[in-house]
Amino acid sequence: MLYGKHNHEAEEYLEPVFGAPSEQHDLPKYRLPKHSLSPREADRLVRDELLDEGNSRLNLATFCQTYMEPEAVELMKDTLAKNAIDKSEYPRTAEIENRCVNIIANLWHAPDDEHFTGTSTIGSSEACMLGGLAMKFAWRKRAQAAGLDLNAHRPNLVISAGYQVCWEKFCVYWDVDIHVVPMDEQHMALDVNHVLDYVDEYTIGIVGIMGITYTGQYDDLAALDKVVTHYNHQHPKLPVYIHVDAASGGFYTPFIEPQLIWDFRLANVVSINASGHKYGLVYPWVVWRDRQFLPPELVFKVSYLGGELPTMAINFSHSAAQLIGQYYNFIRFGMDGYREIQTKTHDVARYLAAALDKVGEFKMINNGHQLPLICYQLAPREDREWTLYDLSDRLLMNGWQVPTYPLPANLEQQVIQRIVVRADFGMNMAHDFMDDLTKAVHDLNQAHIVYHHDAAPKKYGFTH
């Protein structure tokens, strides 16, 4: 057999990727390049752009899960192209979403004699927006029936100072005033004794938080429900109801503290949102205890995708991949699996809190006894020259991202550090972290460097 020059492999497969023309000059970054690249060149350039980013597994600031089982990842990859909004083309996907809503409503003890309804959302912010919009529209109907002048004042929402920024966005986007119940050292969550000081005829609802972002603490929703019940007896024409922002606790508390009453077992809790991508392992949701609390004018029926589909969402078309991933987790883990995962997470958080306490430098604010979140401030010591911001810097040298930030209004002089323990943060990683933290504290105590003299240096740290 004779061979010639036409028998060799194509040049593009022989040419080393780092010898390609795309690696010989800087490509334009803010306009389209003139020429196309081969897939492997484009893939390499994008991967190289991402090389110096942090390792998500070492990010102790985020609540979002950073690991899923390979089978779930493959399922989600295979279903990326499915449009979740197109119920007629993907009826099984629609049924899976329906099953997920039923599973969640059952987990949150939706009453048997009422007709719950719910939907998946793109993120926690959308879930909160939908819950807030339903409260606003339902209040407006009650106010009109009661003869209230809707133009005299803007509607308002009552929430503690520990709210996540999505609620501030909701109020700005939808013309609602935010009535903030202050936090203090005695009340690091919603002050139930004074919450009614911020309620009036124009209050669309009260938001209770199951896992304040700043400190991880829970609002006392059972006590809030009693206060609201008493208020509603006195104001039967304009009652107020509770939306629970369970972004963090909604998929955690039922397995760790099933005896804690915070959900639809409370008569005045009409809607709950939760972020499955946190402790529920994938997707955000919002559920109403009964259809009467979701005004029908917020539900749109669309027929141009084939068939008639009702939709309650800010987003419309989106991939069904996360829905499929959520259903995988539900049937994969079940009650026992979720309990095992959350119990392990709880145990790791409690270990970290005890280990941090032994270091002797910190004053604990939350020791992870409920949500697996630990936060602490520096214990008073006159000869200490470093701050928590310096400790964050030191930890980052080992890849650990640990946020340092001030508490909300009235407590902003208190600077704290927070560690969020997730399902993929096991006991081995926790021991590694404590080794690095202990060394960082020792180095800071012994170092002769320029420290941050300001308690809260500008352009640094973590903000909510």
Protein backbone atom coordinates (compact mmCIF):
# COMPACT_ATOMS: atom_id res chain seq x y z
CA MET A 1 0.00 0.00 0.00
CA LEU A 2 1.40 3.40 -0.96
CA TYR A 3 0.59 6.59 0.95
CA GLY A 4 0.77 10.21 -0.09
CA LYS A 5 0.16 13.68 1.28
CA HIS A 6 -3.61 13.40 0.97
CA ASN A 7 -3.75 10.54 3.44
CA HIS A 8 -2.75 12.48 6.56
CA GLU A 9 -5.22 13.56 9.25
CA ALA A 10 -6.85 16.95 8.99
CA GLU A 11 -4.56 19.75 10.12
CA GLU A 12 -6.99 21.08 12.72
CA TYR A 13 -6.68 17.87 14.71
CA LEU A 14 -2.86 17.79 14.52
CA GLU A 15 -2.22 21.42 15.38
CA PRO A 16 -1.56 21.88 19.14
CA VAL A 17 -4.31 23.97 20.73
CA PHE A 18 -1.78 26.37 22.24
CA GLY A 19 -0.17 26.76 18.84
CA ALA A 20 -3.47 27.83 17.27
CA PRO A 21 -3.84 31.38 15.87
CA SER A 22 -6.32 32.23 18.64
CA GLU A 23 -3.49 31.81 21.20
CA GLN A 24 -1.11 34.07 19.29
CA HIS A 25 -2.95 37.35 19.84
CA ASP A 26 -5.53 38.84 22.19
CA LEU A 27 -9.06 38.33 20.91
CA PRO A 28 -11.55 41.23 21.14
CA LYS A 29 -13.51 40.99 24.37
CA TYR A 30 -16.29 43.54 23.96
CA ARG A 31 -17.26 43.01 20.34
CA LEU A 32 -17.66 39.95 18.13
CA PRO A 33 -14.40 38.66 16.66
CA LYS A 34 -14.21 38.72 12.88
CA HIS A 35 -13.42 35.03 12.42
CA SER A 36 -14.91 31.93 13.98
CA LEU A 37 -12.88 29.47 16.07
CA SER A 38 -12.84 25.71 16.15
CA PRO A 39 -14.91 24.23 19.02
CA ARG A 40 -11.83 23.06 20.93
CA GLU A 41 -10.20 26.50 20.67
CA ALA A 42 -13.32 28.25 21.93
CA ASP A 43 -13.68 25.70 24.72
CA ARG A 44 -10.07 26.18 25.82
CA LEU A 45 -10.29 29.98 25.76
CA VAL A 46 -13.43 29.98 27.92
CA ARG A 47 -11.94 27.48 30.37
CA ASP A 48 -8.79 29.57 30.64
CA GLU A 49 -10.88 32.66 31.40
CA LEU A 50 -12.37 30.81 34.39
CA LEU A 51 -9.12 29.43 35.81
CA ASP A 52 -8.57 32.07 38.49
CA GLU A 53 -12.06 31.96 39.99
CA GLY A 54 -12.74 30.58 43.45
CA ASN A 55 -13.53 26.98 44.31
CA SER A 56 -17.25 26.85 45.05
CA ARG A 57 -16.80 23.98 47.52
CA LEU A 58 -14.63 26.27 49.66
CA ASN A 59 -17.14 29.13 49.54
CA LEU A 60 -18.59 29.27 53.05
CA ALA A 61 -20.53 32.46 52.23
CA THR A 62 -23.09 30.98 49.87
CA PHE A 63 -26.23 29.07 50.81
CA CYS A 64 -26.41 27.55 47.33
CA GLN A 65 -25.48 23.89 47.02
CA THR A 66 -22.28 23.28 45.09
CA TYR A 67 -22.58 19.53 44.52
CA MET A 68 -25.13 17.23 42.92
CA GLU A 69 -24.91 13.55 42.21
CA PRO A 70 -23.56 12.75 38.72
CA GLU A 71 -26.83 11.04 37.78
CA ALA A 72 -28.76 14.22 38.54
CA VAL A 73 -26.25 16.30 36.56
CA GLU A 74 -26.64 13.99 33.56
CA LEU A 75 -30.44 14.16 33.77
CA MET A 76 -30.28 17.95 33.85
CA LYS A 77 -27.86 18.06 30.91
CA ASP A 78 -30.18 15.83 28.90
CA THR A 79 -33.21 18.04 29.62
CA LEU A 80 -31.67 21.50 29.17
CA ALA A 81 -33.52 21.96 25.87
CA LYS A 82 -36.96 21.24 27.35
CA ASN A 83 -39.05 24.39 27.75
CA ALA A 84 -40.80 24.05 31.10
CA ILE A 85 -43.55 26.47 30.08
CA ASP A 86 -44.63 24.36 27.10
CA LYS A 87 -46.96 21.95 28.88
CA SER A 88 -48.49 20.54 25.71
CA GLU A 89 -45.15 19.49 24.23
CA TYR A 90 -43.75 18.23 27.53
CA PRO A 91 -46.75 16.86 29.46
CA ARG A 92 -44.64 14.52 31.60
CA THR A 93 -42.48 17.44 32.70
CA ALA A 94 -45.66 19.31 33.63
CA GLU A 95 -46.80 16.31 35.66
CA ILE A 96 -43.41 16.18 37.39
CA GLU A 97 -43.78 19.85 38.41
CA ASN A 98 -47.27 19.04 39.71
CA ARG A 99 -45.89 16.14 41.75
CA CYS A 100 -43.17 18.37 43.21
CA VAL A 101 -45.73 20.98 44.29
CA ASN A 102 -47.77 18.23 45.98
CA ILE A 103 -44.70 16.83 47.72
CA ILE A 104 -43.75 20.26 49.05
CA ALA A 105 -47.30 21.18 50.12
CA ASN A 106 -47.50 17.88 52.00
CA LEU A 107 -44.12 18.52 53.63
CA TRP A 108 -45.40 21.91 54.83
CA HIS A 109 -48.68 20.46 56.17
CA ALA A 110 -51.12 22.06 53.73
CA PRO A 111 -54.62 21.47 55.22
CA ASP A 112 -56.66 18.65 53.69
CA ASP A 113 -59.81 20.76 53.57
CA GLU A 114 -58.19 23.54 51.51
CA HIS A 115 -56.95 23.62 47.91
CA PHE A 116 -53.24 24.45 47.81
CA THR A 117 -51.58 25.70 44.66
CA GLY A 118 -47.97 26.46 43.81
CA THR A 119 -45.33 26.84 41.14
CA SER A 120 -41.64 26.49 40.51
CA THR A 121 -39.67 29.69 39.99
CA ILE A 122 -36.32 30.64 38.50
CA GLY A 123 -34.93 31.88 41.80
CA SER A 124 -35.79 32.90 45.37
CA SER A 125 -36.33 36.48 44.32
CA GLU A 126 -39.05 35.51 41.85
CA ALA A 127 -40.70 33.31 44.49
CA CYS A 128 -40.74 36.23 46.94
CA MET A 129 -42.04 38.58 44.23
CA LEU A 130 -44.94 36.24 43.47
CA GLY A 131 -45.78 35.81 47.14
CA GLY A 132 -45.66 39.57 47.64
CA LEU A 133 -47.78 40.29 44.56
CA ALA A 134 -50.45 37.87 45.71
CA MET A 135 -50.56 39.60 49.10
CA LYS A 136 -50.79 43.04 47.47
CA PHE A 137 -53.62 42.12 45.10
CA ALA A 138 -55.55 40.23 47.79
CA TRP A 139 -55.20 43.20 50.19
CA ARG A 140 -56.45 45.59 47.50
CA LYS A 141 -59.64 43.55 47.10
CA ARG A 142 -60.23 43.55 50.85
CA ALA A 143 -59.49 47.28 51.06
CA GLN A 144 -61.93 48.09 48.26
CA ALA A 145 -64.64 46.01 49.89
CA ALA A 146 -64.01 47.82 53.19
CA GLY A 147 -64.30 51.22 51.49
CA LEU A 148 -60.69 52.24 52.14
CA ASP A 149 -59.29 55.09 50.04
CA LEU A 150 -56.56 53.33 48.08
CA ASN A 151 -55.00 56.62 47.00
CA ALA A 152 -54.57 58.06 50.48
CA HIS A 153 -51.43 56.02 51.24
CA ARG A 154 -49.22 53.50 49.53
CA PRO A 155 -49.59 49.89 50.66
CA ASN A 156 -46.86 48.60 52.96
CA LEU A 157 -45.16 45.36 53.90
CA VAL A 158 -43.95 44.57 57.44
CA ILE A 159 -40.69 42.67 57.91
CA SER A 160 -37.75 42.55 60.32
CA ALA A 161 -34.49 44.38 59.62
CA GLY A 162 -32.89 41.02 58.87
CA TYR A 163 -34.63 40.78 55.50
CA GLN A 164 -32.88 39.62 52.34
CA VAL A 165 -32.49 42.27 49.63
CA CYS A 166 -35.14 40.65 47.38
CA TRP A 167 -37.85 42.08 49.67
CA GLU A 168 -36.48 45.58 49.28
CA LYS A 169 -36.48 45.00 45.52
CA PHE A 170 -40.09 43.81 45.67
CA CYS A 171 -41.17 46.98 47.46
CA VAL A 172 -39.32 49.23 45.01
CA TYR A 173 -40.49 47.39 41.90
CA TRP A 174 -44.15 47.16 42.91
CA ASP A 175 -44.69 50.52 44.71
CA VAL A 176 -44.96 49.17 48.24
CA ASP A 177 -43.55 50.87 51.34
CA ILE A 178 -41.40 48.68 53.56
CA HIS A 179 -42.07 48.91 57.30
CA VAL A 180 -38.96 47.56 59.00
CA VAL A 181 -39.15 46.21 62.54
CA PRO A 182 -35.73 47.01 64.06
CA MET A 183 -33.44 44.31 65.43
CA ASP A 184 -31.46 44.72 68.64
CA GLU A 185 -29.21 42.53 70.76
CA GLN A 186 -32.24 41.12 72.59
CA HIS A 187 -34.19 40.55 69.38
CA MET A 188 -31.96 39.20 66.62
CA ALA A 189 -35.07 38.18 64.70
CA LEU A 190 -38.57 39.65 64.31
CA ASP A 191 -39.65 41.43 67.52
CA VAL A 192 -43.12 39.90 67.87
CA ASN A 193 -43.96 42.13 70.83
CA HIS A 194 -43.70 45.26 68.68
CA VAL A 195 -44.57 44.01 65.19
CA LEU A 196 -48.09 45.46 65.34
CA ASP A 197 -46.60 48.93 65.86
CA TYR A 198 -45.78 48.78 62.14
CA VAL A 199 -49.13 47.40 60.93
CA ASP A 200 -52.00 49.58 59.70
CA GLU A 201 -54.93 49.44 57.27
CA TYR A 202 -52.54 49.65 54.33
CA THR A 203 -50.45 46.64 55.36
CA ILE A 204 -50.60 43.96 52.68
CA GLY A 205 -49.01 41.37 54.95
CA ILE A 206 -46.23 40.43 57.35
CA VAL A 207 -43.19 38.44 56.23
CA GLY A 208 -41.75 35.94 58.68
CA ILE A 209 -38.27 34.60 57.96
CA MET A 210 -37.16 31.02 58.53
CA GLY A 211 -33.44 31.63 58.50
CA ILE A 212 -32.33 35.26 58.55
CA THR A 213 -29.50 35.72 56.06
CA TYR A 214 -27.37 37.71 58.49
CA THR A 215 -27.47 35.37 61.47
CA GLY A 216 -29.40 32.23 60.47
CA GLN A 217 -31.96 32.67 63.25
CA TYR A 218 -35.67 31.89 62.84
CA ASP A 219 -38.51 34.31 63.44
CA ASP A 220 -40.93 32.98 66.09
CA LEU A 221 -43.78 32.29 63.69
CA ALA A 222 -46.03 30.53 66.20
CA ALA A 223 -45.91 33.62 68.43
CA LEU A 224 -46.42 35.88 65.40
CA ASP A 225 -49.47 33.84 64.39
CA LYS A 226 -51.05 34.40 67.83
CA VAL A 227 -50.44 38.14 67.59
CA VAL A 228 -51.94 38.25 64.09
CA THR A 229 -54.96 36.18 65.18
CA HIS A 230 -55.70 38.70 67.94
CA TYR A 231 -55.28 41.60 65.48
CA ASN A 232 -57.60 40.00 62.94
CA HIS A 233 -60.34 39.49 65.53
CA GLN A 234 -60.22 43.23 66.10
CA HIS A 235 -60.07 44.08 62.38
CA PRO A 236 -62.32 41.55 60.63
CA LYS A 237 -62.77 43.68 57.49
CA LEU A 238 -59.06 44.23 56.91
CA PRO A 239 -57.17 41.26 58.34
CA VAL A 240 -53.46 40.76 57.68
CA TYR A 241 -51.80 37.48 56.81
CA ILE A 242 -48.32 36.01 56.94
CA HIS A 243 -46.00 35.02 54.11
CA VAL A 244 -43.09 32.86 55.24
CA ASP A 245 -39.76 33.40 53.53
CA ALA A 246 -38.38 29.93 54.15
CA ALA A 247 -35.63 30.30 51.55
CA SER A 248 -33.19 28.49 53.82
CA GLY A 249 -35.30 26.69 56.41
CA GLY A 250 -38.12 25.34 54.26
CA PHE A 251 -36.31 22.16 53.26
CA TYR A 252 -34.25 21.89 56.43
CA THR A 253 -36.51 22.40 59.44
CA PRO A 254 -39.00 19.62 58.54
CA PHE A 255 -36.20 17.06 58.90
CA ILE A 256 -34.25 18.51 61.84
CA GLU A 257 -37.05 20.05 63.92
CA PRO A 258 -40.29 18.43 62.75
CA GLN A 259 -41.95 19.45 66.01
CA LEU A 260 -41.39 23.17 65.30
CA ILE A 261 -44.64 24.71 64.06
CA TRP A 262 -43.93 27.37 61.45
CA ASP A 263 -45.76 26.34 58.26
CA PHE A 264 -49.38 25.88 57.11
CA ARG A 265 -50.25 24.46 60.51
CA LEU A 266 -50.48 28.13 61.52
CA ALA A 267 -53.86 29.55 60.49
CA ASN A 268 -52.55 32.91 59.27
CA VAL A 269 -49.69 31.59 57.14
CA VAL A 270 -51.10 31.82 53.62
CA SER A 271 -47.99 31.35 51.47
CA ILE A 272 -44.45 30.02 51.75
CA ASN A 273 -41.45 30.25 49.48
CA ALA A 274 -38.33 28.13 49.70
CA SER A 275 -35.10 27.86 47.76
CA GLY A 276 -34.54 24.30 46.72
CA HIS A 277 -31.06 25.23 45.50
CA LYS A 278 -30.12 25.74 49.13
CA TYR A 279 -30.98 22.94 51.53
CA GLY A 280 -33.63 21.42 49.24
CA LEU A 281 -30.99 20.63 46.65
CA VAL A 282 -32.14 22.27 43.42
CA TYR A 283 -35.09 24.55 42.76
CA PRO A 284 -37.00 27.52 44.30
CA TRP A 285 -40.76 27.23 44.88
CA VAL A 286 -43.75 29.19 46.18
CA VAL A 287 -46.91 27.54 47.52
CA TRP A 288 -50.23 29.04 48.67
CA ARG A 289 -52.31 27.17 51.23
CA ASP A 290 -55.51 27.80 49.28
CA ARG A 291 -56.49 29.24 45.89
CA GLN A 292 -58.35 32.10 47.56
CA PHE A 293 -54.99 33.64 48.51
CA LEU A 294 -53.79 33.71 44.89
CA PRO A 295 -55.97 36.31 43.10
CA PRO A 296 -57.10 34.91 39.72
CA GLU A 297 -56.07 38.07 37.85
CA LEU A 298 -52.45 37.10 38.52
CA VAL A 299 -52.90 33.83 36.64
CA PHE A 300 -52.65 34.07 32.85
CA LYS A 301 -53.94 31.51 30.38
CA VAL A 302 -51.88 31.15 27.22
CA SER A 303 -52.97 29.06 24.23
CA TYR A 304 -50.38 29.83 21.54
CA LEU A 305 -48.05 27.02 22.61
CA GLY A 306 -50.77 24.44 21.99
CA GLY A 307 -53.51 23.71 24.47
CA GLU A 308 -54.38 26.18 27.21
CA LEU A 309 -51.89 26.66 29.98
CA PRO A 310 -52.30 28.70 33.18
CA THR A 311 -49.13 30.44 34.31
CA MET A 312 -48.22 32.48 37.36
CA ALA A 313 -44.67 33.70 36.89
CA ILE A 314 -42.50 36.70 36.15
CA ASN A 315 -40.37 34.58 33.84
CA PHE A 316 -41.96 32.66 31.00
CA SER A 317 -39.83 30.29 28.92
CA HIS A 318 -37.10 28.52 30.85
CA SER A 319 -35.36 25.18 30.90
CA ALA A 320 -37.03 22.25 32.65
CA ALA A 321 -33.66 20.88 33.74
CA GLN A 322 -33.92 22.13 37.31
CA LEU A 323 -37.42 20.70 37.67
CA ILE A 324 -36.13 17.32 36.58
CA GLY A 325 -33.23 17.61 39.02
CA GLN A 326 -35.58 18.45 41.87
CA TYR A 327 -37.80 15.47 41.18
CA TYR A 328 -34.73 13.24 40.99
CA ASN A 329 -33.68 14.39 44.46
CA PHE A 330 -37.16 13.91 45.91
CA ILE A 331 -37.48 10.31 44.74
CA ARG A 332 -33.77 9.57 45.24
CA PHE A 333 -33.53 10.68 48.88
CA GLY A 334 -37.04 10.44 50.28
CA MET A 335 -37.76 11.43 53.87
CA ASP A 336 -35.00 9.22 55.29
CA GLY A 337 -32.37 10.44 52.85
CA TYR A 338 -33.12 14.10 53.44
CA ARG A 339 -33.07 13.49 57.18
CA GLU A 340 -29.66 11.79 56.94
CA ILE A 341 -28.20 14.60 54.82
CA GLN A 342 -29.56 17.38 57.02
CA THR A 343 -28.59 15.59 60.24
CA LYS A 344 -25.01 15.25 59.02
CA THR A 345 -25.02 18.93 58.03
CA HIS A 346 -26.38 19.85 61.46
CA ASP A 347 -23.70 17.79 63.22
CA VAL A 348 -20.91 19.45 61.20
CA ALA A 349 -22.27 22.91 62.06
CA ARG A 350 -22.39 22.06 65.75
CA TYR A 351 -18.82 20.72 65.63
CA LEU A 352 -17.59 23.91 63.97
CA ALA A 353 -19.33 26.09 66.54
CA ALA A 354 -17.72 24.17 69.41
CA ALA A 355 -14.30 24.21 67.74
CA LEU A 356 -14.50 27.95 67.06
CA ASP A 357 -15.47 28.57 70.67
CA LYS A 358 -12.33 26.72 71.83
CA VAL A 359 -10.11 29.06 69.77
CA GLY A 360 -10.85 31.70 72.41
CA GLU A 361 -10.98 34.68 70.06
CA PHE A 362 -14.69 34.74 69.23
CA LYS A 363 -18.03 35.55 70.78
CA MET A 364 -20.70 33.29 69.32
CA ILE A 365 -23.92 34.85 67.98
CA ASN A 366 -25.42 31.74 66.40
CA ASN A 367 -24.02 28.28 67.09
CA GLY A 368 -25.92 26.40 64.38
CA HIS A 369 -28.51 24.92 66.75
CA GLN A 370 -31.24 25.46 64.13
CA LEU A 371 -30.12 26.39 60.63
CA PRO A 372 -26.57 25.05 60.00
CA LEU A 373 -25.10 28.53 60.04
CA ILE A 374 -22.51 29.82 62.48
CA CYS A 375 -21.83 33.49 63.02
CA TYR A 376 -19.59 35.19 65.54
CA GLN A 377 -17.80 38.41 66.34
CA LEU A 378 -14.44 39.03 67.94
CA ALA A 379 -14.37 38.70 71.72
CA PRO A 380 -13.13 41.87 73.45
CA ARG A 381 -9.32 41.98 73.79
CA GLU A 382 -7.36 45.21 74.05
CA ASP A 383 -4.06 43.97 72.60
CA ARG A 384 -5.57 42.49 69.44
CA GLU A 385 -4.52 44.46 66.37
CA TRP A 386 -6.33 42.49 63.66
CA THR A 387 -9.96 42.44 62.60
CA LEU A 388 -12.31 39.85 61.16
CA TYR A 389 -11.61 41.39 57.75
CA ASP A 390 -7.95 40.48 58.21
CA LEU A 391 -8.98 36.95 59.14
CA SER A 392 -11.07 36.71 55.95
CA ASP A 393 -7.98 37.76 53.99
CA ARG A 394 -5.85 35.11 55.66
CA LEU A 395 -8.40 32.35 55.08
CA LEU A 396 -8.66 33.34 51.43
CA MET A 397 -4.96 32.53 51.04
CA ASN A 398 -6.00 28.90 51.52
CA GLY A 399 -9.02 29.27 49.24
CA TRP A 400 -11.67 29.60 51.96
CA GLN A 401 -14.22 32.33 51.27
CA VAL A 402 -15.61 33.42 54.63
CA PRO A 403 -17.68 36.62 54.63
CA THR A 404 -17.21 39.44 57.11
CA TYR A 405 -19.88 42.14 57.25
CA PRO A 406 -21.78 44.51 59.59
CA LEU A 407 -25.21 43.64 60.96
CA PRO A 408 -28.27 45.62 59.75
CA ALA A 409 -29.52 49.00 60.98
CA ASN A 410 -29.27 49.65 64.73
CA LEU A 411 -26.58 46.96 64.96
CA GLU A 412 -24.31 48.12 62.14
CA GLN A 413 -21.40 48.75 64.54
CA GLN A 414 -21.21 45.00 65.12
CA VAL A 415 -19.05 43.28 62.52
CA ILE A 416 -19.51 39.54 62.29
CA GLN A 417 -18.24 36.58 60.33
CA ARG A 418 -20.50 33.83 58.98
CA ILE A 419 -20.01 30.21 57.97
CA VAL A 420 -22.74 28.42 56.03
CA VAL A 421 -22.53 24.63 56.25
CA ARG A 422 -23.98 22.85 53.23
CA ALA A 423 -24.55 19.19 52.41
CA ASP A 424 -21.23 18.96 50.55
CA PHE A 425 -19.25 20.29 53.52
CA GLY A 426 -18.41 17.15 55.47
CA MET A 427 -16.63 16.56 58.74
CA ASN A 428 -13.26 16.01 57.01
CA MET A 429 -13.48 19.41 55.31
CA ALA A 430 -14.59 20.95 58.60
CA HIS A 431 -11.43 19.66 60.32
CA ASP A 432 -9.30 20.96 57.44
CA PHE A 433 -10.98 24.35 57.75
CA MET A 434 -10.37 24.52 61.51
CA ASP A 435 -6.69 23.68 60.95
CA ASP A 436 -6.40 26.56 58.49
CA LEU A 437 -8.38 28.95 60.69
CA THR A 438 -6.35 28.13 63.80
CA LYS A 439 -3.12 28.72 61.88
CA ALA A 440 -4.51 31.98 60.44
CA VAL A 441 -5.36 33.25 63.93
CA HIS A 442 -1.90 32.27 65.20
CA ASP A 443 -0.21 34.03 62.26
CA LEU A 444 -2.27 37.18 62.78
CA ASN A 445 -1.40 37.24 66.48
CA GLN A 446 2.31 36.87 65.67
CA ALA A 447 2.57 38.85 62.45
CA HIS A 448 4.13 42.28 62.05
CA ILE A 449 2.12 43.61 59.14
CA VAL A 450 -0.07 46.57 58.36
CA TYR A 451 -3.53 45.70 59.61
CA HIS A 452 -6.87 47.19 58.70
CA HIS A 453 -7.17 49.92 61.28
CA ASP A 454 -10.76 50.67 60.28
CA ALA A 455 -13.32 48.25 61.63
CA ALA A 456 -15.00 48.13 58.23
CA PRO A 457 -12.55 49.00 55.45
CA LYS A 458 -14.11 50.23 52.26
CA LYS A 459 -14.33 48.10 49.12
CA TYR A 460 -13.89 44.89 51.04
CA GLY A 461 -15.97 42.08 52.39
CA PHE A 462 -19.44 40.76 51.90
CA THR A 463 -22.66 42.73 51.68
CA HIS A 464 -26.28 41.61 51.60
